[in-house]
Amino acid sequence: MTAGIATSVRTAAKSLPQGAMKDYLTAVYRGLFIVAEIRSDVLHARPATHPDGQRLNRAEVVQRAITGNRFWIDDRWLDAKIARMNEVIADINAVRPPLR
């Protein structure tokens, strides 16, 4: 799972001395945790009838507990999550050490 990979990368990052590689792995694991949450929302959503047609509907989860709120996974939600993933990629690329 994505969060499991993020946890492994975080463990590896903690064992490194300060420097470019630690900064890179830190950005990677933070990004993976964000992507894991997005993945989980899509994976655990259910088909439902929205006023605009069929969409996915998801129960909101905070700290592994359902809050009672629900949200639609629609085009606007997907666009926002794609934009967030692009930010994550930019954050990772900003600290990625050069290939040698």
PDB file of N, CA and C in Angstrom:
ATOM      1  N   MET A   1       0.826  -1.174   0.000  1.00  0.00           N
ATOM      2  CA  MET A   1       0.000   0.000   0.000  1.00  0.00           C
ATOM      3  C   MET A   1       0.883   1.254   0.000  1.00  0.00           C
ATOM      4  N   THR A   2       0.319   2.324  -0.457  1.00  0.00           N
ATOM      5  CA  THR A   2       1.058   3.571  -0.587  1.00  0.00           C
ATOM      6  C   THR A   2       1.542   4.078   0.772  1.00  0.00           C
ATOM      7  N   ALA A   3       0.687   4.041   1.774  1.00  0.00           N
ATOM      8  CA  ALA A   3       1.083   4.511   3.103  1.00  0.00           C
ATOM      9  C   ALA A   3       2.194   3.635   3.689  1.00  0.00           C
ATOM     10  N   GLY A   4       2.181   2.357   3.379  1.00  0.00           N
ATOM     11  CA  GLY A   4       3.245   1.460   3.839  1.00  0.00           C
ATOM     12  C   GLY A   4       4.582   1.810   3.218  1.00  0.00           C
ATOM     13  N   ILE A   5       4.572   2.146   1.943  1.00  0.00           N
ATOM     14  CA  ILE A   5       5.802   2.579   1.274  1.00  0.00           C
ATOM     15  C   ILE A   5       6.279   3.884   1.905  1.00  0.00           C
ATOM     16  N   ALA A   6       5.347   4.807   2.148  1.00  0.00           N
ATOM     17  CA  ALA A   6       5.704   6.082   2.777  1.00  0.00           C
ATOM     18  C   ALA A   6       6.334   5.855   4.147  1.00  0.00           C
ATOM     19  N   THR A   7       5.792   4.929   4.912  1.00  0.00           N
ATOM     20  CA  THR A   7       6.342   4.628   6.236  1.00  0.00           C
ATOM     21  C   THR A   7       7.758   4.081   6.120  1.00  0.00           C
ATOM     22  N   SER A   8       7.993   3.207   5.149  1.00  0.00           N
ATOM     23  CA  SER A   8       9.341   2.657   4.946  1.00  0.00           C
ATOM     24  C   SER A   8      10.326   3.745   4.532  1.00  0.00           C
ATOM     25  N   VAL A   9       9.892   4.635   3.659  1.00  0.00           N
ATOM     26  CA  VAL A   9      10.766   5.727   3.229  1.00  0.00           C
ATOM     27  C   VAL A   9      11.050   6.660   4.405  1.00  0.00           C
ATOM     28  N   ARG A  10      10.028   6.932   5.234  1.00  0.00           N
ATOM     29  CA  ARG A  10      10.231   7.787   6.409  1.00  0.00           C
ATOM     30  C   ARG A  10      11.268   7.169   7.353  1.00  0.00           C
ATOM     31  N   THR A  11      11.179   5.864   7.570  1.00  0.00           N
ATOM     32  CA  THR A  11      12.149   5.179   8.421  1.00  0.00           C
ATOM     33  C   THR A  11      13.555   5.315   7.854  1.00  0.00           C
ATOM     34  N   ALA A  12      13.679   5.147   6.546  1.00  0.00           N
ATOM     35  CA  ALA A  12      14.996   5.291   5.909  1.00  0.00           C
ATOM     36  C   ALA A  12      15.503   6.718   6.029  1.00  0.00           C
ATOM     37  N   ALA A  13      14.633   7.692   5.863  1.00  0.00           N
ATOM     38  CA  ALA A  13      15.044   9.098   5.940  1.00  0.00           C
ATOM     39  C   ALA A  13      15.542   9.445   7.341  1.00  0.00           C
ATOM     40  N   LYS A  14      14.888   8.906   8.355  1.00  0.00           N
ATOM     41  CA  LYS A  14      15.288   9.209   9.729  1.00  0.00           C
ATOM     42  C   LYS A  14      16.681   8.694  10.051  1.00  0.00           C
ATOM     43  N   SER A  15      17.122   7.652   9.354  1.00  0.00           N
ATOM     44  CA  SER A  15      18.437   7.075   9.637  1.00  0.00           C
ATOM     45  C   SER A  15      19.574   7.808   8.923  1.00  0.00           C
ATOM     46  N   LEU A  16      19.244   8.740   8.045  1.00  0.00           N
ATOM     47  CA  LEU A  16      20.271   9.457   7.288  1.00  0.00           C
ATOM     48  C   LEU A  16      20.730  10.713   8.016  1.00  0.00           C
ATOM     49  N   PRO A  17      21.993  11.110   7.789  1.00  0.00           N
ATOM     50  CA  PRO A  17      22.449  12.390   8.336  1.00  0.00           C
ATOM     51  C   PRO A  17      21.808  13.541   7.544  1.00  0.00           C
ATOM     52  N   GLN A  18      21.823  14.732   8.136  1.00  0.00           N
ATOM     53  CA  GLN A  18      21.292  15.906   7.424  1.00  0.00           C
ATOM     54  C   GLN A  18      21.983  16.029   6.074  1.00  0.00           C
ATOM     55  N   GLY A  19      21.217  16.405   5.070  1.00  0.00           N
ATOM     56  CA  GLY A  19      21.792  16.573   3.741  1.00  0.00           C
ATOM     57  C   GLY A  19      20.746  16.411   2.663  1.00  0.00           C
ATOM     58  N   ALA A  20      21.225  16.425   1.437  1.00  0.00           N
ATOM     59  CA  ALA A  20      20.339  16.410   0.279  1.00  0.00           C
ATOM     60  C   ALA A  20      19.495  15.142   0.195  1.00  0.00           C
ATOM     61  N   MET A  21      20.078  13.998   0.486  1.00  0.00           N
ATOM     62  CA  MET A  21      19.324  12.750   0.380  1.00  0.00           C
ATOM     63  C   MET A  21      18.228  12.671   1.443  1.00  0.00           C
ATOM     64  N   LYS A  22      18.527  13.119   2.656  1.00  0.00           N
ATOM     65  CA  LYS A  22      17.512  13.131   3.709  1.00  0.00           C
ATOM     66  C   LYS A  22      16.374  14.073   3.336  1.00  0.00           C
ATOM     67  N   ASP A  23      16.705  15.252   2.806  1.00  0.00           N
ATOM     68  CA  ASP A  23      15.680  16.206   2.375  1.00  0.00           C
ATOM     69  C   ASP A  23      14.805  15.605   1.276  1.00  0.00           C
ATOM     70  N   TYR A  24      15.434  14.904   0.347  1.00  0.00           N
ATOM     71  CA  TYR A  24      14.708  14.280  -0.751  1.00  0.00           C
ATOM     72  C   TYR A  24      13.751  13.204  -0.242  1.00  0.00           C
ATOM     73  N   LEU A  25      14.274  12.293   0.575  1.00  0.00           N
ATOM     74  CA  LEU A  25      13.420  11.214   1.084  1.00  0.00           C
ATOM     75  C   LEU A  25      12.304  11.757   1.981  1.00  0.00           C
ATOM     76  N   THR A  26      12.567  12.828   2.695  1.00  0.00           N
ATOM     77  CA  THR A  26      11.522  13.453   3.510  1.00  0.00           C
ATOM     78  C   THR A  26      10.403  13.990   2.624  1.00  0.00           C
ATOM     79  N   ALA A  27      10.764  14.658   1.530  1.00  0.00           N
ATOM     80  CA  ALA A  27       9.749  15.154   0.593  1.00  0.00           C
ATOM     81  C   ALA A  27       8.988  14.001  -0.044  1.00  0.00           C
ATOM     82  N   VAL A  28       9.684  12.917  -0.357  1.00  0.00           N
ATOM     83  CA  VAL A  28       9.045  11.749  -0.965  1.00  0.00           C
ATOM     84  C   VAL A  28       8.027  11.136  -0.004  1.00  0.00           C
ATOM     85  N   TYR A  29       8.415  10.903   1.248  1.00  0.00           N
ATOM     86  CA  TYR A  29       7.449  10.249   2.140  1.00  0.00           C
ATOM     87  C   TYR A  29       6.275  11.156   2.467  1.00  0.00           C
ATOM     88  N   ARG A  30       6.511  12.445   2.592  1.00  0.00           N
ATOM     89  CA  ARG A  30       5.380  13.353   2.825  1.00  0.00           C
ATOM     90  C   ARG A  30       4.424  13.332   1.639  1.00  0.00           C
ATOM     91  N   GLY A  31       4.986  13.341   0.445  1.00  0.00           N
ATOM     92  CA  GLY A  31       4.158  13.271  -0.759  1.00  0.00           C
ATOM     93  C   GLY A  31       3.388  11.971  -0.861  1.00  0.00           C
ATOM     94  N   LEU A  32       4.028  10.878  -0.509  1.00  0.00           N
ATOM     95  CA  LEU A  32       3.351   9.581  -0.566  1.00  0.00           C
ATOM     96  C   LEU A  32       2.191   9.503   0.413  1.00  0.00           C
ATOM     97  N   PHE A  33       2.331  10.109   1.587  1.00  0.00           N
ATOM     98  CA  PHE A  33       1.208  10.119   2.528  1.00  0.00           C
ATOM     99  C   PHE A  33       0.024  10.910   1.967  1.00  0.00           C
ATOM    100  N   ILE A  34       0.296  12.002   1.274  1.00  0.00           N
ATOM    101  CA  ILE A  34      -0.772  12.788   0.646  1.00  0.00           C
ATOM    102  C   ILE A  34      -1.455  11.963  -0.446  1.00  0.00           C
ATOM    103  N   VAL A  35      -0.658  11.330  -1.286  1.00  0.00           N
ATOM    104  CA  VAL A  35      -1.209  10.509  -2.364  1.00  0.00           C
ATOM    105  C   VAL A  35      -1.969   9.306  -1.793  1.00  0.00           C
ATOM    106  N   ALA A  36      -1.497   8.756  -0.692  1.00  0.00           N
ATOM    107  CA  ALA A  36      -2.196   7.623  -0.068  1.00  0.00           C
ATOM    108  C   ALA A  36      -3.601   8.024   0.367  1.00  0.00           C
ATOM    109  N   GLU A  37      -3.735   9.223   0.891  1.00  0.00           N
ATOM    110  CA  GLU A  37      -5.060   9.685   1.315  1.00  0.00           C
ATOM    111  C   GLU A  37      -5.994   9.843   0.112  1.00  0.00           C
ATOM    112  N   ILE A  38      -5.475  10.409  -0.967  1.00  0.00           N
ATOM    113  CA  ILE A  38      -6.277  10.570  -2.189  1.00  0.00           C
ATOM    114  C   ILE A  38      -6.680   9.205  -2.722  1.00  0.00           C
ATOM    115  N   ARG A  39      -5.732   8.290  -2.773  1.00  0.00           N
ATOM    116  CA  ARG A  39      -5.992   6.931  -3.261  1.00  0.00           C
ATOM    117  C   ARG A  39      -7.068   6.261  -2.418  1.00  0.00           C
ATOM    118  N   SER A  40      -6.961   6.413  -1.115  1.00  0.00           N
ATOM    119  CA  SER A  40      -7.932   5.805  -0.215  1.00  0.00           C
ATOM    120  C   SER A  40      -9.335   6.362  -0.446  1.00  0.00           C
ATOM    121  N   ASP A  41      -9.429   7.674  -0.650  1.00  0.00           N
ATOM    122  CA  ASP A  41     -10.741   8.270  -0.901  1.00  0.00           C
ATOM    123  C   ASP A  41     -11.394   7.673  -2.145  1.00  0.00           C
ATOM    124  N   VAL A  42     -10.626   7.520  -3.205  1.00  0.00           N
ATOM    125  CA  VAL A  42     -11.179   6.967  -4.443  1.00  0.00           C
ATOM    126  C   VAL A  42     -11.481   5.481  -4.278  1.00  0.00           C
ATOM    127  N   LEU A  43     -10.573   4.758  -3.666  1.00  0.00           N
ATOM    128  CA  LEU A  43     -10.735   3.320  -3.504  1.00  0.00           C
ATOM    129  C   LEU A  43     -11.956   2.961  -2.656  1.00  0.00           C
ATOM    130  N   HIS A  44     -12.251   3.758  -1.641  1.00  0.00           N
ATOM    131  CA  HIS A  44     -13.335   3.433  -0.717  1.00  0.00           C
ATOM    132  C   HIS A  44     -14.636   4.173  -1.017  1.00  0.00           C
ATOM    133  N   ALA A  45     -14.664   4.920  -2.106  1.00  0.00           N
ATOM    134  CA  ALA A  45     -15.895   5.615  -2.505  1.00  0.00           C
ATOM    135  C   ALA A  45     -16.871   4.613  -3.115  1.00  0.00           C
ATOM    136  N   ARG A  46     -18.120   5.001  -3.128  1.00  0.00           N
ATOM    137  CA  ARG A  46     -19.164   4.142  -3.682  1.00  0.00           C
ATOM    138  C   ARG A  46     -19.938   4.892  -4.756  1.00  0.00           C
ATOM    139  N   PRO A  47     -20.385   4.176  -5.783  1.00  0.00           N
ATOM    140  CA  PRO A  47     -21.200   4.832  -6.809  1.00  0.00           C
ATOM    141  C   PRO A  47     -22.492   5.367  -6.195  1.00  0.00           C
ATOM    142  N   ALA A  48     -22.920   6.528  -6.666  1.00  0.00           N
ATOM    143  CA  ALA A  48     -24.153   7.139  -6.172  1.00  0.00           C
ATOM    144  C   ALA A  48     -24.692   8.070  -7.243  1.00  0.00           C
ATOM    145  N   THR A  49     -25.976   8.367  -7.150  1.00  0.00           N
ATOM    146  CA  THR A  49     -26.602   9.257  -8.118  1.00  0.00           C
ATOM    147  C   THR A  49     -26.493  10.691  -7.627  1.00  0.00           C
ATOM    148  N   HIS A  50     -25.790  11.478  -8.392  1.00  0.00           N
ATOM    149  CA  HIS A  50     -25.580  12.907  -8.141  1.00  0.00           C
ATOM    150  C   HIS A  50     -26.550  13.666  -9.040  1.00  0.00           C
ATOM    151  N   PRO A  51     -26.928  14.892  -8.716  1.00  0.00           N
ATOM    152  CA  PRO A  51     -27.817  15.646  -9.618  1.00  0.00           C
ATOM    153  C   PRO A  51     -27.293  15.742 -11.056  1.00  0.00           C
ATOM    154  N   ASP A  52     -25.968  15.649 -11.231  1.00  0.00           N
ATOM    155  CA  ASP A  52     -25.371  15.708 -12.571  1.00  0.00           C
ATOM    156  C   ASP A  52     -25.136  14.336 -13.188  1.00  0.00           C
ATOM    157  N   GLY A  53     -25.595  13.285 -12.538  1.00  0.00           N
ATOM    158  CA  GLY A  53     -25.402  11.930 -13.054  1.00  0.00           C
ATOM    159  C   GLY A  53     -24.666  11.059 -12.043  1.00  0.00           C
ATOM    160  N   GLN A  54     -24.176   9.927 -12.494  1.00  0.00           N
ATOM    161  CA  GLN A  54     -23.461   9.008 -11.609  1.00  0.00           C
ATOM    162  C   GLN A  54     -22.110   9.594 -11.203  1.00  0.00           C
ATOM    163  N   ARG A  55     -21.820   9.536  -9.934  1.00  0.00           N
ATOM    164  CA  ARG A  55     -20.551   9.983  -9.366  1.00  0.00           C
ATOM    165  C   ARG A  55     -20.172   9.022  -8.253  1.00  0.00           C
ATOM    166  N   LEU A  56     -19.024   9.246  -7.676  1.00  0.00           N
ATOM    167  CA  LEU A  56     -18.616   8.500  -6.499  1.00  0.00           C
ATOM    168  C   LEU A  56     -18.910   9.338  -5.265  1.00  0.00           C
ATOM    169  N   ASN A  57     -19.290   8.660  -4.188  1.00  0.00           N
ATOM    170  CA  ASN A  57     -19.581   9.335  -2.932  1.00  0.00           C
ATOM    171  C   ASN A  57     -18.723   8.684  -1.864  1.00  0.00           C
ATOM    172  N   ARG A  58     -18.145   9.504  -0.995  1.00  0.00           N
ATOM    173  CA  ARG A  58     -17.200   8.988   0.006  1.00  0.00           C
ATOM    174  C   ARG A  58     -17.556   9.518   1.382  1.00  0.00           C
ATOM    175  N   ALA A  59     -17.467   8.656   2.365  1.00  0.00           N
ATOM    176  CA  ALA A  59     -17.602   9.072   3.760  1.00  0.00           C
ATOM    177  C   ALA A  59     -16.288   9.725   4.181  1.00  0.00           C
ATOM    178  N   GLU A  60     -16.393  10.873   4.830  1.00  0.00           N
ATOM    179  CA  GLU A  60     -15.198  11.567   5.317  1.00  0.00           C
ATOM    180  C   GLU A  60     -14.600  10.789   6.483  1.00  0.00           C
ATOM    181  N   VAL A  61     -13.281  10.629   6.446  1.00  0.00           N
ATOM    182  CA  VAL A  61     -12.561   9.919   7.497  1.00  0.00           C
ATOM    183  C   VAL A  61     -11.474  10.833   8.043  1.00  0.00           C
ATOM    184  N   VAL A  62     -11.445  10.988   9.359  1.00  0.00           N
ATOM    185  CA  VAL A  62     -10.402  11.766  10.025  1.00  0.00           C
ATOM    186  C   VAL A  62      -9.796  10.886  11.106  1.00  0.00           C
ATOM    187  N   GLN A  63      -8.495  10.697  11.033  1.00  0.00           N
ATOM    188  CA  GLN A  63      -7.780   9.833  11.979  1.00  0.00           C
ATOM    189  C   GLN A  63      -8.440   8.458  12.098  1.00  0.00           C
ATOM    190  N   ARG A  64      -8.733   7.893  10.946  1.00  0.00           N
ATOM    191  CA  ARG A  64      -9.301   6.543  10.822  1.00  0.00           C
ATOM    192  C   ARG A  64     -10.709   6.388  11.387  1.00  0.00           C
ATOM    193  N   ALA A  65     -11.405   7.512  11.614  1.00  0.00           N
ATOM    194  CA  ALA A  65     -12.779   7.447  12.120  1.00  0.00           C
ATOM    195  C   ALA A  65     -13.697   8.212  11.171  1.00  0.00           C
ATOM    196  N   ILE A  66     -14.853   7.634  10.887  1.00  0.00           N
ATOM    197  CA  ILE A  66     -15.833   8.283  10.017  1.00  0.00           C
ATOM    198  C   ILE A  66     -16.477   9.427  10.796  1.00  0.00           C
ATOM    199  N   THR A  67     -16.545  10.618  10.153  1.00  0.00           N
ATOM    200  CA  THR A  67     -17.073  11.808  10.820  1.00  0.00           C
ATOM    201  C   THR A  67     -18.578  11.955  10.689  1.00  0.00           C
ATOM    202  N   GLY A  68     -19.192  11.228   9.776  1.00  0.00           N
ATOM    203  CA  GLY A  68     -20.615  11.394   9.505  1.00  0.00           C
ATOM    204  C   GLY A  68     -20.867  12.275   8.290  1.00  0.00           C
ATOM    205  N   ASN A  69     -19.832  12.978   7.826  1.00  0.00           N
ATOM    206  CA  ASN A  69     -19.948  13.794   6.616  1.00  0.00           C
ATOM    207  C   ASN A  69     -19.617  12.949   5.395  1.00  0.00           C
ATOM    208  N   ARG A  70     -20.170  13.345   4.260  1.00  0.00           N
ATOM    209  CA  ARG A  70     -19.892  12.669   2.992  1.00  0.00           C
ATOM    210  C   ARG A  70     -19.525  13.721   1.960  1.00  0.00           C
ATOM    211  N   PHE A  71     -18.800  13.315   0.919  1.00  0.00           N
ATOM    212  CA  PHE A  71     -18.480  14.243  -0.154  1.00  0.00           C
ATOM    213  C   PHE A  71     -18.495  13.520  -1.488  1.00  0.00           C
ATOM    214  N   TRP A  72     -18.680  14.311  -2.532  1.00  0.00           N
ATOM    215  CA  TRP A  72     -18.717  13.779  -3.891  1.00  0.00           C
ATOM    216  C   TRP A  72     -17.318  13.776  -4.489  1.00  0.00           C
ATOM    217  N   ILE A  73     -17.010  12.703  -5.178  1.00  0.00           N
ATOM    218  CA  ILE A  73     -15.806  12.656  -6.000  1.00  0.00           C
ATOM    219  C   ILE A  73     -16.290  12.916  -7.416  1.00  0.00           C
ATOM    220  N   ASP A  74     -16.160  14.165  -7.800  1.00  0.00           N
ATOM    221  CA  ASP A  74     -16.632  14.606  -9.104  1.00  0.00           C
ATOM    222  C   ASP A  74     -15.465  15.252  -9.854  1.00  0.00           C
ATOM    223  N   ASP A  75     -15.755  15.847 -10.991  1.00  0.00           N
ATOM    224  CA  ASP A  75     -14.689  16.451 -11.796  1.00  0.00           C
ATOM    225  C   ASP A  75     -13.935  17.527 -11.027  1.00  0.00           C
ATOM    226  N   ARG A  76     -14.644  18.346 -10.273  1.00  0.00           N
ATOM    227  CA  ARG A  76     -13.986  19.417  -9.510  1.00  0.00           C
ATOM    228  C   ARG A  76     -13.067  18.828  -8.437  1.00  0.00           C
ATOM    229  N   TRP A  77     -13.527  17.795  -7.741  1.00  0.00           N
ATOM    230  CA  TRP A  77     -12.706  17.145  -6.721  1.00  0.00           C
ATOM    231  C   TRP A  77     -11.458  16.537  -7.368  1.00  0.00           C
ATOM    232  N   LEU A  78     -11.659  15.817  -8.479  1.00  0.00           N
ATOM    233  CA  LEU A  78     -10.517  15.197  -9.166  1.00  0.00           C
ATOM    234  C   LEU A  78      -9.516  16.244  -9.636  1.00  0.00           C
ATOM    235  N   ASP A  79     -10.002  17.350 -10.203  1.00  0.00           N
ATOM    236  CA  ASP A  79      -9.101  18.415 -10.659  1.00  0.00           C
ATOM    237  C   ASP A  79      -8.282  18.971  -9.496  1.00  0.00           C
ATOM    238  N   ALA A  80      -8.928  19.159  -8.340  1.00  0.00           N
ATOM    239  CA  ALA A  80      -8.218  19.670  -7.170  1.00  0.00           C
ATOM    240  C   ALA A  80      -7.153  18.685  -6.691  1.00  0.00           C
ATOM    241  N   LYS A  81      -7.471  17.400  -6.721  1.00  0.00           N
ATOM    242  CA  LYS A  81      -6.502  16.392  -6.271  1.00  0.00           C
ATOM    243  C   LYS A  81      -5.349  16.250  -7.260  1.00  0.00           C
ATOM    244  N   ILE A  82      -5.626  16.370  -8.545  1.00  0.00           N
ATOM    245  CA  ILE A  82      -4.551  16.345  -9.539  1.00  0.00           C
ATOM    246  C   ILE A  82      -3.634  17.542  -9.334  1.00  0.00           C
ATOM    247  N   ALA A  83      -4.218  18.699  -9.062  1.00  0.00           N
ATOM    248  CA  ALA A  83      -3.404  19.887  -8.789  1.00  0.00           C
ATOM    249  C   ALA A  83      -2.547  19.671  -7.544  1.00  0.00           C
ATOM    250  N   ARG A  84      -3.122  19.053  -6.514  1.00  0.00           N
ATOM    251  CA  ARG A  84      -2.363  18.783  -5.281  1.00  0.00           C
ATOM    252  C   ARG A  84      -1.227  17.815  -5.544  1.00  0.00           C
ATOM    253  N   MET A  85      -1.469  16.776  -6.355  1.00  0.00           N
ATOM    254  CA  MET A  85      -0.403  15.832  -6.686  1.00  0.00           C
ATOM    255  C   MET A  85       0.693  16.508  -7.504  1.00  0.00           C
ATOM    256  N   ASN A  86       0.332  17.445  -8.371  1.00  0.00           N
ATOM    257  CA  ASN A  86       1.338  18.202  -9.109  1.00  0.00           C
ATOM    258  C   ASN A  86       2.193  19.043  -8.166  1.00  0.00           C
ATOM    259  N   GLU A  87       1.582  19.605  -7.116  1.00  0.00           N
ATOM    260  CA  GLU A  87       2.343  20.340  -6.104  1.00  0.00           C
ATOM    261  C   GLU A  87       3.320  19.415  -5.394  1.00  0.00           C
ATOM    262  N   VAL A  88       2.865  18.214  -5.066  1.00  0.00           N
ATOM    263  CA  VAL A  88       3.722  17.231  -4.403  1.00  0.00           C
ATOM    264  C   VAL A  88       4.928  16.903  -5.287  1.00  0.00           C
ATOM    265  N   ILE A  89       4.677  16.671  -6.555  1.00  0.00           N
ATOM    266  CA  ILE A  89       5.773  16.365  -7.483  1.00  0.00           C
ATOM    267  C   ILE A  89       6.752  17.531  -7.558  1.00  0.00           C
ATOM    268  N   ALA A  90       6.241  18.755  -7.606  1.00  0.00           N
ATOM    269  CA  ALA A  90       7.115  19.931  -7.646  1.00  0.00           C
ATOM    270  C   ALA A  90       7.947  20.029  -6.370  1.00  0.00           C
ATOM    271  N   ASP A  91       7.338  19.748  -5.212  1.00  0.00           N
ATOM    272  CA  ASP A  91       8.070  19.780  -3.945  1.00  0.00           C
ATOM    273  C   ASP A  91       9.192  18.745  -3.933  1.00  0.00           C
ATOM    274  N   ILE A  92       8.912  17.563  -4.450  1.00  0.00           N
ATOM    275  CA  ILE A  92       9.930  16.507  -4.502  1.00  0.00           C
ATOM    276  C   ILE A  92      11.039  16.890  -5.477  1.00  0.00           C
ATOM    277  N   ASN A  93      10.667  17.352  -6.655  1.00  0.00           N
ATOM    278  CA  ASN A  93      11.674  17.732  -7.653  1.00  0.00           C
ATOM    279  C   ASN A  93      12.546  18.897  -7.193  1.00  0.00           C
ATOM    280  N   ALA A  94      11.994  19.760  -6.348  1.00  0.00           N
ATOM    281  CA  ALA A  94      12.758  20.918  -5.866  1.00  0.00           C
ATOM    282  C   ALA A  94      13.939  20.502  -4.990  1.00  0.00           C
ATOM    283  N   VAL A  95      13.840  19.345  -4.338  1.00  0.00           N
ATOM    284  CA  VAL A  95      14.922  18.903  -3.451  1.00  0.00           C
ATOM    285  C   VAL A  95      15.627  17.641  -3.945  1.00  0.00           C
ATOM    286  N   ARG A  96      15.244  17.172  -5.120  1.00  0.00           N
ATOM    287  CA  ARG A  96      15.864  15.939  -5.644  1.00  0.00           C
ATOM    288  C   ARG A  96      17.331  16.178  -5.969  1.00  0.00           C
ATOM    289  N   PRO A  97      18.191  15.357  -5.407  1.00  0.00           N
ATOM    290  CA  PRO A  97      19.625  15.503  -5.731  1.00  0.00           C
ATOM    291  C   PRO A  97      19.856  15.177  -7.206  1.00  0.00           C
ATOM    292  N   PRO A  98      20.875  15.778  -7.795  1.00  0.00           N
ATOM    293  CA  PRO A  98      21.149  15.492  -9.215  1.00  0.00           C
ATOM    294  C   PRO A  98      21.625  14.041  -9.383  1.00  0.00           C
ATOM    295  N   LEU A  99      21.279  13.475 -10.528  1.00  0.00           N
ATOM    296  CA  LEU A  99      21.752  12.132 -10.859  1.00  0.00           C
ATOM    297  C   LEU A  99      23.228  12.233 -11.246  1.00  0.00           C
ATOM    298  N   ARG A 100      23.989  11.256 -10.867  1.00  0.00           N
ATOM    299  CA  ARG A 100      25.432  11.299 -11.194  1.00  0.00           C
ATOM    300  C   ARG A 100      25.785  10.222 -12.148  1.00  0.00           C
TER     301      ARG A 100
END
